[in-house]
Amino acid sequence: MMNNFSAEWPLISIWVSGTSGLILIAIYISKSERFDNIAKYLVNFSVATILIQTAGELLLFSEIIEPGSFHLFYKVVVLFTLTFLYVYRSEMNKNYLLYWGIALLFIMGLEIRAIMTLGRMLI
């Protein structure tokens, strides 16, 4: 189960957050206000997939299935990033599309790095 969950859900998170980030930046560049509702749904969907994937990884770790210390480190960094985004959400509302687009692309990079370190231990 761990290999299946750890191999498929991060890819889903990567594709969703990367695609959403690019769409948000494209909407910001186009200066169109028609897509504001779609942008909010994209952000919520991306954050939901990231949280589901990270919570599943931590649940698997609590059941004594070791995914690797570096892998868990990057998952904790993802959670800290989402925490900082939540704390500074009032300031991010000024350029909502740009900030969330860049943030989702950054989280996509963290998820890619987490997949690359799957199974590596700190010895």
PDB file of N, CA and C in Angstrom:
ATOM      1  N   MET A   1       0.818  -1.191   0.000  1.00  0.00           N
ATOM      2  CA  MET A   1       0.000   0.000   0.000  1.00  0.00           C
ATOM      3  C   MET A   1       0.862   1.256   0.000  1.00  0.00           C
ATOM      4  N   MET A   2       1.958   1.218   0.737  1.00  0.00           N
ATOM      5  CA  MET A   2       2.784   2.417   0.830  1.00  0.00           C
ATOM      6  C   MET A   2       3.372   2.794  -0.526  1.00  0.00           C
ATOM      7  N   ASN A   3       3.862   1.821  -1.252  1.00  0.00           N
ATOM      8  CA  ASN A   3       4.452   2.132  -2.551  1.00  0.00           C
ATOM      9  C   ASN A   3       3.406   2.693  -3.509  1.00  0.00           C
ATOM     10  N   ASN A   4       2.203   2.130  -3.457  1.00  0.00           N
ATOM     11  CA  ASN A   4       1.139   2.595  -4.322  1.00  0.00           C
ATOM     12  C   ASN A   4       0.731   4.021  -3.965  1.00  0.00           C
ATOM     13  N   PHE A   5       0.513   4.273  -2.678  1.00  0.00           N
ATOM     14  CA  PHE A   5       0.090   5.605  -2.235  1.00  0.00           C
ATOM     15  C   PHE A   5       1.204   6.617  -2.438  1.00  0.00           C
ATOM     16  N   SER A   6       2.421   6.238  -2.090  1.00  0.00           N
ATOM     17  CA  SER A   6       3.548   7.172  -2.192  1.00  0.00           C
ATOM     18  C   SER A   6       3.976   7.413  -3.627  1.00  0.00           C
ATOM     19  N   ALA A   7       3.564   6.570  -4.540  1.00  0.00           N
ATOM     20  CA  ALA A   7       3.949   6.749  -5.938  1.00  0.00           C
ATOM     21  C   ALA A   7       2.884   7.482  -6.749  1.00  0.00           C
ATOM     22  N   GLU A   8       1.604   7.296  -6.418  1.00  0.00           N
ATOM     23  CA  GLU A   8       0.547   7.866  -7.245  1.00  0.00           C
ATOM     24  C   GLU A   8       0.035   9.211  -6.748  1.00  0.00           C
ATOM     25  N   TRP A   9      -0.213   9.344  -5.456  1.00  0.00           N
ATOM     26  CA  TRP A   9      -0.773  10.596  -4.954  1.00  0.00           C
ATOM     27  C   TRP A   9       0.167  11.784  -5.109  1.00  0.00           C
ATOM     28  N   PRO A  10       1.477  11.624  -4.917  1.00  0.00           N
ATOM     29  CA  PRO A  10       2.334  12.791  -5.182  1.00  0.00           C
ATOM     30  C   PRO A  10       2.263  13.252  -6.634  1.00  0.00           C
ATOM     31  N   LEU A  11       2.129  12.323  -7.556  1.00  0.00           N
ATOM     32  CA  LEU A  11       2.012  12.714  -8.961  1.00  0.00           C
ATOM     33  C   LEU A  11       0.727  13.492  -9.207  1.00  0.00           C
ATOM     34  N   ILE A  12      -0.349  13.077  -8.542  1.00  0.00           N
ATOM     35  CA  ILE A  12      -1.607  13.813  -8.657  1.00  0.00           C
ATOM     36  C   ILE A  12      -1.435  15.218  -8.096  1.00  0.00           C
ATOM     37  N   SER A  13      -0.791  15.324  -6.932  1.00  0.00           N
ATOM     38  CA  SER A  13      -0.557  16.642  -6.321  1.00  0.00           C
ATOM     39  C   SER A  13       0.310  17.516  -7.216  1.00  0.00           C
ATOM     40  N   ILE A  14       1.323  16.917  -7.815  1.00  0.00           N
ATOM     41  CA  ILE A  14       2.218  17.681  -8.695  1.00  0.00           C
ATOM     42  C   ILE A  14       1.462  18.211  -9.904  1.00  0.00           C
ATOM     43  N   TRP A  15       0.701  17.349 -10.550  1.00  0.00           N
ATOM     44  CA  TRP A  15      -0.019  17.785 -11.744  1.00  0.00           C
ATOM     45  C   TRP A  15      -1.081  18.823 -11.416  1.00  0.00           C
ATOM     46  N   VAL A  16      -1.813  18.612 -10.338  1.00  0.00           N
ATOM     47  CA  VAL A  16      -2.880  19.555  -9.987  1.00  0.00           C
ATOM     48  C   VAL A  16      -2.297  20.905  -9.589  1.00  0.00           C
ATOM     49  N   SER A  17      -1.288  20.901  -8.716  1.00  0.00           N
ATOM     50  CA  SER A  17      -0.733  22.187  -8.270  1.00  0.00           C
ATOM     51  C   SER A  17       0.027  22.891  -9.396  1.00  0.00           C
ATOM     52  N   GLY A  18       0.745  22.155 -10.210  1.00  0.00           N
ATOM     53  CA  GLY A  18       1.467  22.774 -11.323  1.00  0.00           C
ATOM     54  C   GLY A  18       0.540  23.361 -12.368  1.00  0.00           C
ATOM     55  N   THR A  19      -0.474  22.598 -12.744  1.00  0.00           N
ATOM     56  CA  THR A  19      -1.438  23.091 -13.724  1.00  0.00           C
ATOM     57  C   THR A  19      -2.210  24.285 -13.177  1.00  0.00           C
ATOM     58  N   SER A  20      -2.632  24.185 -11.923  1.00  0.00           N
ATOM     59  CA  SER A  20      -3.363  25.301 -11.313  1.00  0.00           C
ATOM     60  C   SER A  20      -2.487  26.542 -11.215  1.00  0.00           C
ATOM     61  N   GLY A  21      -1.225  26.365 -10.839  1.00  0.00           N
ATOM     62  CA  GLY A  21      -0.320  27.502 -10.750  1.00  0.00           C
ATOM     63  C   GLY A  21      -0.128  28.191 -12.086  1.00  0.00           C
ATOM     64  N   LEU A  22       0.048  27.408 -13.141  1.00  0.00           N
ATOM     65  CA  LEU A  22       0.210  28.001 -14.474  1.00  0.00           C
ATOM     66  C   LEU A  22      -1.061  28.699 -14.941  1.00  0.00           C
ATOM     67  N   ILE A  23      -2.217  28.101 -14.654  1.00  0.00           N
ATOM     68  CA  ILE A  23      -3.485  28.728 -15.038  1.00  0.00           C
ATOM     69  C   ILE A  23      -3.686  30.036 -14.280  1.00  0.00           C
ATOM     70  N   LEU A  24      -3.354  30.046 -12.983  1.00  0.00           N
ATOM     71  CA  LEU A  24      -3.510  31.268 -12.194  1.00  0.00           C
ATOM     72  C   LEU A  24      -2.605  32.387 -12.710  1.00  0.00           C
ATOM     73  N   ILE A  25      -1.380  32.041 -13.065  1.00  0.00           N
ATOM     74  CA  ILE A  25      -0.478  33.060 -13.614  1.00  0.00           C
ATOM     75  C   ILE A  25      -0.971  33.541 -14.982  1.00  0.00           C
ATOM     76  N   ALA A  26      -1.519  32.635 -15.787  1.00  0.00           N
ATOM     77  CA  ALA A  26      -2.064  33.036 -17.089  1.00  0.00           C
ATOM     78  C   ALA A  26      -3.269  33.960 -16.912  1.00  0.00           C
ATOM     79  N   ILE A  27      -4.116  33.680 -15.928  1.00  0.00           N
ATOM     80  CA  ILE A  27      -5.259  34.561 -15.661  1.00  0.00           C
ATOM     81  C   ILE A  27      -4.766  35.923 -15.190  1.00  0.00           C
ATOM     82  N   TYR A  28      -3.725  35.928 -14.356  1.00  0.00           N
ATOM     83  CA  TYR A  28      -3.172  37.199 -13.874  1.00  0.00           C
ATOM     84  C   TYR A  28      -2.609  38.024 -15.031  1.00  0.00           C
ATOM     85  N   ILE A  29      -1.911  37.369 -15.940  1.00  0.00           N
ATOM     86  CA  ILE A  29      -1.323  38.087 -17.077  1.00  0.00           C
ATOM     87  C   ILE A  29      -2.415  38.624 -18.000  1.00  0.00           C
ATOM     88  N   SER A  30      -3.502  37.872 -18.162  1.00  0.00           N
ATOM     89  CA  SER A  30      -4.577  38.312 -19.060  1.00  0.00           C
ATOM     90  C   SER A  30      -5.420  39.441 -18.474  1.00  0.00           C
ATOM     91  N   LYS A  31      -5.280  39.707 -17.173  1.00  0.00           N
ATOM     92  CA  LYS A  31      -6.017  40.787 -16.485  1.00  0.00           C
ATOM     93  C   LYS A  31      -7.531  40.636 -16.622  1.00  0.00           C
ATOM     94  N   SER A  32      -8.005  39.400 -16.709  1.00  0.00           N
ATOM     95  CA  SER A  32      -9.432  39.147 -16.848  1.00  0.00           C
ATOM     96  C   SER A  32     -10.041  38.867 -15.477  1.00  0.00           C
ATOM     97  N   GLU A  33     -11.164  39.504 -15.205  1.00  0.00           N
ATOM     98  CA  GLU A  33     -11.847  39.281 -13.931  1.00  0.00           C
ATOM     99  C   GLU A  33     -12.948  38.232 -14.049  1.00  0.00           C
ATOM    100  N   ARG A  34     -13.144  37.691 -15.234  1.00  0.00           N
ATOM    101  CA  ARG A  34     -14.186  36.684 -15.426  1.00  0.00           C
ATOM    102  C   ARG A  34     -13.846  35.375 -14.738  1.00  0.00           C
ATOM    103  N   PHE A  35     -12.565  35.120 -14.529  1.00  0.00           N
ATOM    104  CA  PHE A  35     -12.134  33.817 -14.045  1.00  0.00           C
ATOM    105  C   PHE A  35     -11.812  33.800 -12.552  1.00  0.00           C
ATOM    106  N   ASP A  36     -12.271  34.789 -11.797  1.00  0.00           N
ATOM    107  CA  ASP A  36     -11.948  34.838 -10.368  1.00  0.00           C
ATOM    108  C   ASP A  36     -12.537  33.657  -9.602  1.00  0.00           C
ATOM    109  N   ASN A  37     -13.763  33.265  -9.943  1.00  0.00           N
ATOM    110  CA  ASN A  37     -14.370  32.113  -9.255  1.00  0.00           C
ATOM    111  C   ASN A  37     -13.633  30.824  -9.587  1.00  0.00           C
ATOM    112  N   ILE A  38     -13.238  30.676 -10.834  1.00  0.00           N
ATOM    113  CA  ILE A  38     -12.479  29.488 -11.235  1.00  0.00           C
ATOM    114  C   ILE A  38     -11.145  29.450 -10.500  1.00  0.00           C
ATOM    115  N   ALA A  39     -10.531  30.607 -10.325  1.00  0.00           N
ATOM    116  CA  ALA A  39      -9.241  30.674  -9.631  1.00  0.00           C
ATOM    117  C   ALA A  39      -9.375  30.206  -8.190  1.00  0.00           C
ATOM    118  N   LYS A  40     -10.430  30.606  -7.518  1.00  0.00           N
ATOM    119  CA  LYS A  40     -10.622  30.184  -6.128  1.00  0.00           C
ATOM    120  C   LYS A  40     -10.857  28.681  -6.036  1.00  0.00           C
ATOM    121  N   TYR A  41     -11.607  28.131  -6.982  1.00  0.00           N
ATOM    122  CA  TYR A  41     -11.803  26.681  -6.999  1.00  0.00           C
ATOM    123  C   TYR A  41     -10.491  25.945  -7.269  1.00  0.00           C
ATOM    124  N   LEU A  42      -9.678  26.468  -8.160  1.00  0.00           N
ATOM    125  CA  LEU A  42      -8.384  25.843  -8.451  1.00  0.00           C
ATOM    126  C   LEU A  42      -7.476  25.842  -7.229  1.00  0.00           C
ATOM    127  N   VAL A  43      -7.431  26.958  -6.504  1.00  0.00           N
ATOM    128  CA  VAL A  43      -6.599  27.032  -5.299  1.00  0.00           C
ATOM    129  C   VAL A  43      -7.106  26.052  -4.248  1.00  0.00           C
ATOM    130  N   ASN A  44      -8.416  26.033  -4.028  1.00  0.00           N
ATOM    131  CA  ASN A  44      -8.976  25.121  -3.026  1.00  0.00           C
ATOM    132  C   ASN A  44      -8.747  23.662  -3.400  1.00  0.00           C
ATOM    133  N   PHE A  45      -8.917  23.332  -4.670  1.00  0.00           N
ATOM    134  CA  PHE A  45      -8.706  21.958  -5.117  1.00  0.00           C
ATOM    135  C   PHE A  45      -7.239  21.557  -4.976  1.00  0.00           C
ATOM    136  N   SER A  46      -6.342  22.455  -5.321  1.00  0.00           N
ATOM    137  CA  SER A  46      -4.911  22.160  -5.210  1.00  0.00           C
ATOM    138  C   SER A  46      -4.501  21.946  -3.763  1.00  0.00           C
ATOM    139  N   VAL A  47      -4.933  22.839  -2.891  1.00  0.00           N
ATOM    140  CA  VAL A  47      -4.585  22.710  -1.473  1.00  0.00           C
ATOM    141  C   VAL A  47      -5.195  21.440  -0.889  1.00  0.00           C
ATOM    142  N   ALA A  48      -6.413  21.092  -1.305  1.00  0.00           N
ATOM    143  CA  ALA A  48      -7.045  19.865  -0.805  1.00  0.00           C
ATOM    144  C   ALA A  48      -6.261  18.624  -1.223  1.00  0.00           C
ATOM    145  N   THR A  49      -5.825  18.557  -2.484  1.00  0.00           N
ATOM    146  CA  THR A  49      -5.063  17.378  -2.912  1.00  0.00           C
ATOM    147  C   THR A  49      -3.721  17.293  -2.194  1.00  0.00           C
ATOM    148  N   ILE A  50      -3.092  18.437  -1.962  1.00  0.00           N
ATOM    149  CA  ILE A  50      -1.808  18.441  -1.258  1.00  0.00           C
ATOM    150  C   ILE A  50      -1.992  17.988   0.183  1.00  0.00           C
ATOM    151  N   LEU A  51      -3.045  18.483   0.843  1.00  0.00           N
ATOM    152  CA  LEU A  51      -3.288  18.094   2.236  1.00  0.00           C
ATOM    153  C   LEU A  51      -3.665  16.622   2.365  1.00  0.00           C
ATOM    154  N   ILE A  52      -4.472  16.114   1.440  1.00  0.00           N
ATOM    155  CA  ILE A  52      -4.833  14.692   1.474  1.00  0.00           C
ATOM    156  C   ILE A  52      -3.589  13.833   1.305  1.00  0.00           C
ATOM    157  N   GLN A  53      -2.748  14.203   0.359  1.00  0.00           N
ATOM    158  CA  GLN A  53      -1.544  13.417   0.099  1.00  0.00           C
ATOM    159  C   GLN A  53      -0.586  13.470   1.277  1.00  0.00           C
ATOM    160  N   THR A  54      -0.385  14.631   1.857  1.00  0.00           N
ATOM    161  CA  THR A  54       0.539  14.771   2.983  1.00  0.00           C
ATOM    162  C   THR A  54      -0.005  14.080   4.226  1.00  0.00           C
ATOM    163  N   ALA A  55      -1.301  14.206   4.468  1.00  0.00           N
ATOM    164  CA  ALA A  55      -1.900  13.528   5.622  1.00  0.00           C
ATOM    165  C   ALA A  55      -1.817  12.013   5.468  1.00  0.00           C
ATOM    166  N   GLY A  56      -2.003  11.521   4.256  1.00  0.00           N
ATOM    167  CA  GLY A  56      -1.863  10.087   4.020  1.00  0.00           C
ATOM    168  C   GLY A  56      -0.455   9.592   4.261  1.00  0.00           C
ATOM    169  N   GLU A  57       0.523  10.372   3.833  1.00  0.00           N
ATOM    170  CA  GLU A  57       1.924  10.001   4.079  1.00  0.00           C
ATOM    171  C   GLU A  57       2.226   9.955   5.573  1.00  0.00           C
ATOM    172  N   LEU A  58       1.747  10.953   6.316  1.00  0.00           N
ATOM    173  CA  LEU A  58       1.992  10.969   7.760  1.00  0.00           C
ATOM    174  C   LEU A  58       1.257   9.836   8.455  1.00  0.00           C
ATOM    175  N   LEU A  59       0.069   9.483   7.966  1.00  0.00           N
ATOM    176  CA  LEU A  59      -0.661   8.349   8.529  1.00  0.00           C
ATOM    177  C   LEU A  59       0.091   7.047   8.284  1.00  0.00           C
ATOM    178  N   LEU A  60       0.634   6.879   7.092  1.00  0.00           N
ATOM    179  CA  LEU A  60       1.430   5.686   6.807  1.00  0.00           C
ATOM    180  C   LEU A  60       2.679   5.636   7.680  1.00  0.00           C
ATOM    181  N   PHE A  61       3.284   6.795   7.930  1.00  0.00           N
ATOM    182  CA  PHE A  61       4.461   6.842   8.796  1.00  0.00           C
ATOM    183  C   PHE A  61       4.097   6.466  10.226  1.00  0.00           C
ATOM    184  N   SER A  62       2.905   6.839  10.676  1.00  0.00           N
ATOM    185  CA  SER A  62       2.486   6.500  12.037  1.00  0.00           C
ATOM    186  C   SER A  62       2.217   5.007  12.191  1.00  0.00           C
ATOM    187  N   GLU A  63       2.016   4.308  11.094  1.00  0.00           N
ATOM    188  CA  GLU A  63       1.810   2.859  11.128  1.00  0.00           C
ATOM    189  C   GLU A  63       3.115   2.103  10.917  1.00  0.00           C
ATOM    190  N   ILE A  64       4.223   2.727  11.214  1.00  0.00           N
ATOM    191  CA  ILE A  64       5.566   2.152  11.163  1.00  0.00           C
ATOM    192  C   ILE A  64       5.911   1.661   9.758  1.00  0.00           C
ATOM    193  N   ILE A  65       5.541   2.426   8.772  1.00  0.00           N
ATOM    194  CA  ILE A  65       5.981   2.203   7.400  1.00  0.00           C
ATOM    195  C   ILE A  65       6.916   3.358   7.084  1.00  0.00           C
ATOM    196  N   GLU A  66       8.178   3.084   6.891  1.00  0.00           N
ATOM    197  CA  GLU A  66       9.201   4.128   6.790  1.00  0.00           C
ATOM    198  C   GLU A  66       9.386   4.580   5.338  1.00  0.00           C
ATOM    199  N   PRO A  67       8.907   5.784   4.978  1.00  0.00           N
ATOM    200  CA  PRO A  67       9.124   6.276   3.620  1.00  0.00           C
ATOM    201  C   PRO A  67      10.481   6.938   3.416  1.00  0.00           C
ATOM    202  N   GLY A  68      11.182   7.218   4.488  1.00  0.00           N
ATOM    203  CA  GLY A  68      12.482   7.877   4.404  1.00  0.00           C
ATOM    204  C   GLY A  68      12.441   9.228   5.091  1.00  0.00           C
ATOM    205  N   SER A  69      13.529   9.563   5.753  1.00  0.00           N
ATOM    206  CA  SER A  69      13.546  10.795   6.539  1.00  0.00           C
ATOM    207  C   SER A  69      13.555  12.047   5.657  1.00  0.00           C
ATOM    208  N   PHE A  70      14.241  11.999   4.518  1.00  0.00           N
ATOM    209  CA  PHE A  70      14.249  13.165   3.635  1.00  0.00           C
ATOM    210  C   PHE A  70      12.875  13.386   3.011  1.00  0.00           C
ATOM    211  N   HIS A  71      12.188  12.302   2.684  1.00  0.00           N
ATOM    212  CA  HIS A  71      10.844  12.392   2.123  1.00  0.00           C
ATOM    213  C   HIS A  71       9.910  13.073   3.123  1.00  0.00           C
ATOM    214  N   LEU A  72       9.969  12.653   4.372  1.00  0.00           N
ATOM    215  CA  LEU A  72       9.127  13.274   5.395  1.00  0.00           C
ATOM    216  C   LEU A  72       9.536  14.716   5.658  1.00  0.00           C
ATOM    217  N   PHE A  73      10.825  15.003   5.549  1.00  0.00           N
ATOM    218  CA  PHE A  73      11.286  16.382   5.715  1.00  0.00           C
ATOM    219  C   PHE A  73      10.623  17.294   4.690  1.00  0.00           C
ATOM    220  N   TYR A  74      10.579  16.868   3.438  1.00  0.00           N
ATOM    221  CA  TYR A  74       9.956  17.699   2.414  1.00  0.00           C
ATOM    222  C   TYR A  74       8.449  17.804   2.616  1.00  0.00           C
ATOM    223  N   LYS A  75       7.826  16.777   3.171  1.00  0.00           N
ATOM    224  CA  LYS A  75       6.396  16.860   3.482  1.00  0.00           C
ATOM    225  C   LYS A  75       6.143  17.883   4.582  1.00  0.00           C
ATOM    226  N   VAL A  76       7.024  17.940   5.571  1.00  0.00           N
ATOM    227  CA  VAL A  76       6.890  18.933   6.637  1.00  0.00           C
ATOM    228  C   VAL A  76       7.119  20.335   6.077  1.00  0.00           C
ATOM    229  N   VAL A  77       8.054  20.477   5.147  1.00  0.00           N
ATOM    230  CA  VAL A  77       8.281  21.778   4.512  1.00  0.00           C
ATOM    231  C   VAL A  77       7.037  22.211   3.727  1.00  0.00           C
ATOM    232  N   VAL A  78       6.371  21.269   3.080  1.00  0.00           N
ATOM    233  CA  VAL A  78       5.123  21.583   2.379  1.00  0.00           C
ATOM    234  C   VAL A  78       4.073  22.080   3.372  1.00  0.00           C
ATOM    235  N   LEU A  79       3.960  21.411   4.517  1.00  0.00           N
ATOM    236  CA  LEU A  79       2.991  21.852   5.527  1.00  0.00           C
ATOM    237  C   LEU A  79       3.331  23.235   6.071  1.00  0.00           C
ATOM    238  N   PHE A  80       4.617  23.510   6.312  1.00  0.00           N
ATOM    239  CA  PHE A  80       5.014  24.846   6.760  1.00  0.00           C
ATOM    240  C   PHE A  80       4.703  25.896   5.695  1.00  0.00           C
ATOM    241  N   THR A  81       4.923  25.553   4.440  1.00  0.00           N
ATOM    242  CA  THR A  81       4.620  26.491   3.362  1.00  0.00           C
ATOM    243  C   THR A  81       3.133  26.814   3.331  1.00  0.00           C
ATOM    244  N   LEU A  82       2.296  25.791   3.448  1.00  0.00           N
ATOM    245  CA  LEU A  82       0.854  26.030   3.474  1.00  0.00           C
ATOM    246  C   LEU A  82       0.449  26.835   4.700  1.00  0.00           C
ATOM    247  N   THR A  83       1.130  26.610   5.831  1.00  0.00           N
ATOM    248  CA  THR A  83       0.842  27.385   7.038  1.00  0.00           C
ATOM    249  C   THR A  83       1.176  28.857   6.832  1.00  0.00           C
ATOM    250  N   PHE A  84       2.339  29.132   6.251  1.00  0.00           N
ATOM    251  CA  PHE A  84       2.708  30.523   5.991  1.00  0.00           C
ATOM    252  C   PHE A  84       1.763  31.175   4.984  1.00  0.00           C
ATOM    253  N   LEU A  85       1.329  30.424   3.991  1.00  0.00           N
ATOM    254  CA  LEU A  85       0.369  30.969   3.035  1.00  0.00           C
ATOM    255  C   LEU A  85      -0.944  31.313   3.725  1.00  0.00           C
ATOM    256  N   TYR A  86      -1.348  30.492   4.687  1.00  0.00           N
ATOM    257  CA  TYR A  86      -2.582  30.771   5.423  1.00  0.00           C
ATOM    258  C   TYR A  86      -2.417  31.990   6.326  1.00  0.00           C
ATOM    259  N   VAL A  87      -1.272  32.097   6.984  1.00  0.00           N
ATOM    260  CA  VAL A  87      -1.040  33.224   7.889  1.00  0.00           C
ATOM    261  C   VAL A  87      -1.023  34.544   7.118  1.00  0.00           C
ATOM    262  N   TYR A  88      -0.410  34.563   5.950  1.00  0.00           N
ATOM    263  CA  TYR A  88      -0.285  35.789   5.162  1.00  0.00           C
ATOM    264  C   TYR A  88      -1.354  35.915   4.082  1.00  0.00           C
ATOM    265  N   ARG A  89      -2.482  35.255   4.254  1.00  0.00           N
ATOM    266  CA  ARG A  89      -3.517  35.279   3.226  1.00  0.00           C
ATOM    267  C   ARG A  89      -4.110  36.672   3.012  1.00  0.00           C
ATOM    268  N   SER A  90      -4.171  37.492   4.066  1.00  0.00           N
ATOM    269  CA  SER A  90      -4.727  38.839   3.889  1.00  0.00           C
ATOM    270  C   SER A  90      -3.814  39.701   3.015  1.00  0.00           C
ATOM    271  N   GLU A  91      -2.505  39.533   3.151  1.00  0.00           N
ATOM    272  CA  GLU A  91      -1.584  40.275   2.291  1.00  0.00           C
ATOM    273  C   GLU A  91      -1.550  39.711   0.876  1.00  0.00           C
ATOM    274  N   MET A  92      -1.827  38.416   0.751  1.00  0.00           N
ATOM    275  CA  MET A  92      -1.809  37.795  -0.573  1.00  0.00           C
ATOM    276  C   MET A  92      -3.036  38.153  -1.397  1.00  0.00           C
ATOM    277  N   ASN A  93      -4.082  38.674  -0.752  1.00  0.00           N
ATOM    278  CA  ASN A  93      -5.286  39.036  -1.499  1.00  0.00           C
ATOM    279  C   ASN A  93      -5.070  40.229  -2.423  1.00  0.00           C
ATOM    280  N   LYS A  94      -3.970  40.965  -2.241  1.00  0.00           N
ATOM    281  CA  LYS A  94      -3.691  42.112  -3.110  1.00  0.00           C
ATOM    282  C   LYS A  94      -3.433  41.646  -4.545  1.00  0.00           C
ATOM    283  N   ASN A  95      -2.606  40.655  -4.705  1.00  0.00           N
ATOM    284  CA  ASN A  95      -2.335  40.027  -6.007  1.00  0.00           C
ATOM    285  C   ASN A  95      -2.606  38.534  -5.875  1.00  0.00           C
ATOM    286  N   TYR A  96      -3.846  38.208  -5.636  1.00  0.00           N
ATOM    287  CA  TYR A  96      -4.257  36.846  -5.318  1.00  0.00           C
ATOM    288  C   TYR A  96      -3.778  35.831  -6.353  1.00  0.00           C
ATOM    289  N   LEU A  97      -4.016  36.116  -7.601  1.00  0.00           N
ATOM    290  CA  LEU A  97      -3.687  35.163  -8.663  1.00  0.00           C
ATOM    291  C   LEU A  97      -2.187  34.949  -8.797  1.00  0.00           C
ATOM    292  N   LEU A  98      -1.431  36.020  -8.753  1.00  0.00           N
ATOM    293  CA  LEU A  98       0.018  35.913  -8.913  1.00  0.00           C
ATOM    294  C   LEU A  98       0.651  35.181  -7.735  1.00  0.00           C
ATOM    295  N   TYR A  99       0.295  35.574  -6.516  1.00  0.00           N
ATOM    296  CA  TYR A  99       0.894  34.956  -5.333  1.00  0.00           C
ATOM    297  C   TYR A  99       0.559  33.471  -5.241  1.00  0.00           C
ATOM    298  N   TRP A 100      -0.712  33.130  -5.447  1.00  0.00           N
ATOM    299  CA  TRP A 100      -1.075  31.720  -5.363  1.00  0.00           C
ATOM    300  C   TRP A 100      -0.497  30.915  -6.521  1.00  0.00           C
ATOM    301  N   GLY A 101      -0.391  31.514  -7.689  1.00  0.00           N
ATOM    302  CA  GLY A 101       0.228  30.812  -8.811  1.00  0.00           C
ATOM    303  C   GLY A 101       1.677  30.471  -8.529  1.00  0.00           C
ATOM    304  N   ILE A 102       2.428  31.439  -8.018  1.00  0.00           N
ATOM    305  CA  ILE A 102       3.834  31.195  -7.681  1.00  0.00           C
ATOM    306  C   ILE A 102       3.947  30.212  -6.521  1.00  0.00           C
ATOM    307  N   ALA A 103       3.072  30.350  -5.530  1.00  0.00           N
ATOM    308  CA  ALA A 103       3.117  29.448  -4.372  1.00  0.00           C
ATOM    309  C   ALA A 103       2.820  28.006  -4.779  1.00  0.00           C
ATOM    310  N   LEU A 104       1.856  27.814  -5.663  1.00  0.00           N
ATOM    311  CA  LEU A 104       1.540  26.450  -6.097  1.00  0.00           C
ATOM    312  C   LEU A 104       2.665  25.855  -6.938  1.00  0.00           C
ATOM    313  N   LEU A 105       3.327  26.670  -7.723  1.00  0.00           N
ATOM    314  CA  LEU A 105       4.483  26.164  -8.472  1.00  0.00           C
ATOM    315  C   LEU A 105       5.635  25.817  -7.533  1.00  0.00           C
ATOM    316  N   PHE A 106       5.817  26.592  -6.464  1.00  0.00           N
ATOM    317  CA  PHE A 106       6.839  26.279  -5.466  1.00  0.00           C
ATOM    318  C   PHE A 106       6.515  24.966  -4.757  1.00  0.00           C
ATOM    319  N   ILE A 107       5.255  24.780  -4.398  1.00  0.00           N
ATOM    320  CA  ILE A 107       4.848  23.530  -3.746  1.00  0.00           C
ATOM    321  C   ILE A 107       5.006  22.359  -4.708  1.00  0.00           C
ATOM    322  N   MET A 108       4.742  22.582  -5.984  1.00  0.00           N
ATOM    323  CA  MET A 108       4.965  21.528  -6.970  1.00  0.00           C
ATOM    324  C   MET A 108       6.431  21.105  -6.974  1.00  0.00           C
ATOM    325  N   GLY A 109       7.339  22.063  -6.892  1.00  0.00           N
ATOM    326  CA  GLY A 109       8.763  21.741  -6.822  1.00  0.00           C
ATOM    327  C   GLY A 109       9.123  20.969  -5.568  1.00  0.00           C
ATOM    328  N   LEU A 110       8.509  21.327  -4.448  1.00  0.00           N
ATOM    329  CA  LEU A 110       8.753  20.576  -3.211  1.00  0.00           C
ATOM    330  C   LEU A 110       8.243  19.142  -3.322  1.00  0.00           C
ATOM    331  N   GLU A 111       7.104  18.965  -3.968  1.00  0.00           N
ATOM    332  CA  GLU A 111       6.558  17.616  -4.145  1.00  0.00           C
ATOM    333  C   GLU A 111       7.446  16.778  -5.067  1.00  0.00           C
ATOM    334  N   ILE A 112       7.990  17.399  -6.101  1.00  0.00           N
ATOM    335  CA  ILE A 112       8.920  16.675  -6.980  1.00  0.00           C
ATOM    336  C   ILE A 112      10.148  16.239  -6.193  1.00  0.00           C
ATOM    337  N   ARG A 113      10.660  17.134  -5.381  1.00  0.00           N
ATOM    338  CA  ARG A 113      11.831  16.795  -4.559  1.00  0.00           C
ATOM    339  C   ARG A 113      11.485  15.707  -3.549  1.00  0.00           C
ATOM    340  N   ALA A 114      10.280  15.721  -3.017  1.00  0.00           N
ATOM    341  CA  ALA A 114       9.870  14.681  -2.071  1.00  0.00           C
ATOM    342  C   ALA A 114       9.825  13.312  -2.748  1.00  0.00           C
ATOM    343  N   ILE A 115       9.366  13.261  -3.986  1.00  0.00           N
ATOM    344  CA  ILE A 115       9.347  11.985  -4.709  1.00  0.00           C
ATOM    345  C   ILE A 115      10.768  11.500  -4.976  1.00  0.00           C
ATOM    346  N   MET A 116      11.660  12.437  -5.310  1.00  0.00           N
ATOM    347  CA  MET A 116      13.038  12.047  -5.607  1.00  0.00           C
ATOM    348  C   MET A 116      13.754  11.479  -4.386  1.00  0.00           C
ATOM    349  N   THR A 117      13.332  11.863  -3.187  1.00  0.00           N
ATOM    350  CA  THR A 117      13.996  11.391  -1.968  1.00  0.00           C
ATOM    351  C   THR A 117      13.226  10.271  -1.288  1.00  0.00           C
ATOM    352  N   LEU A 118      12.255   9.679  -1.957  1.00  0.00           N
ATOM    353  CA  LEU A 118      11.473   8.596  -1.363  1.00  0.00           C
ATOM    354  C   LEU A 118      12.373   7.408  -1.041  1.00  0.00           C
ATOM    355  N   GLY A 119      12.385   7.008   0.204  1.00  0.00           N
ATOM    356  CA  GLY A 119      13.164   5.863   0.645  1.00  0.00           C
ATOM    357  C   GLY A 119      14.554   6.186   1.143  1.00  0.00           C
ATOM    358  N   ARG A 120      14.988   7.423   1.027  1.00  0.00           N
ATOM    359  CA  ARG A 120      16.332   7.789   1.498  1.00  0.00           C
ATOM    360  C   ARG A 120      16.299   8.095   2.983  1.00  0.00           C
ATOM    361  N   MET A 121      17.254   7.542   3.679  1.00  0.00           N
ATOM    362  CA  MET A 121      17.339   7.710   5.128  1.00  0.00           C
ATOM    363  C   MET A 121      18.514   8.607   5.484  1.00  0.00           C
ATOM    364  N   LEU A 122      18.386   9.297   6.589  1.00  0.00           N
ATOM    365  CA  LEU A 122      19.477  10.083   7.144  1.00  0.00           C
ATOM    366  C   LEU A 122      20.207   9.200   8.140  1.00  0.00           C
ATOM    367  N   ILE A 123      21.427   8.839   7.813  1.00  0.00           N
ATOM    368  CA  ILE A 123      22.188   7.931   8.693  1.00  0.00           C
ATOM    369  C   ILE A 123      23.371   8.660   9.265  1.00  0.00           C
TER     370      ILE A 123
END
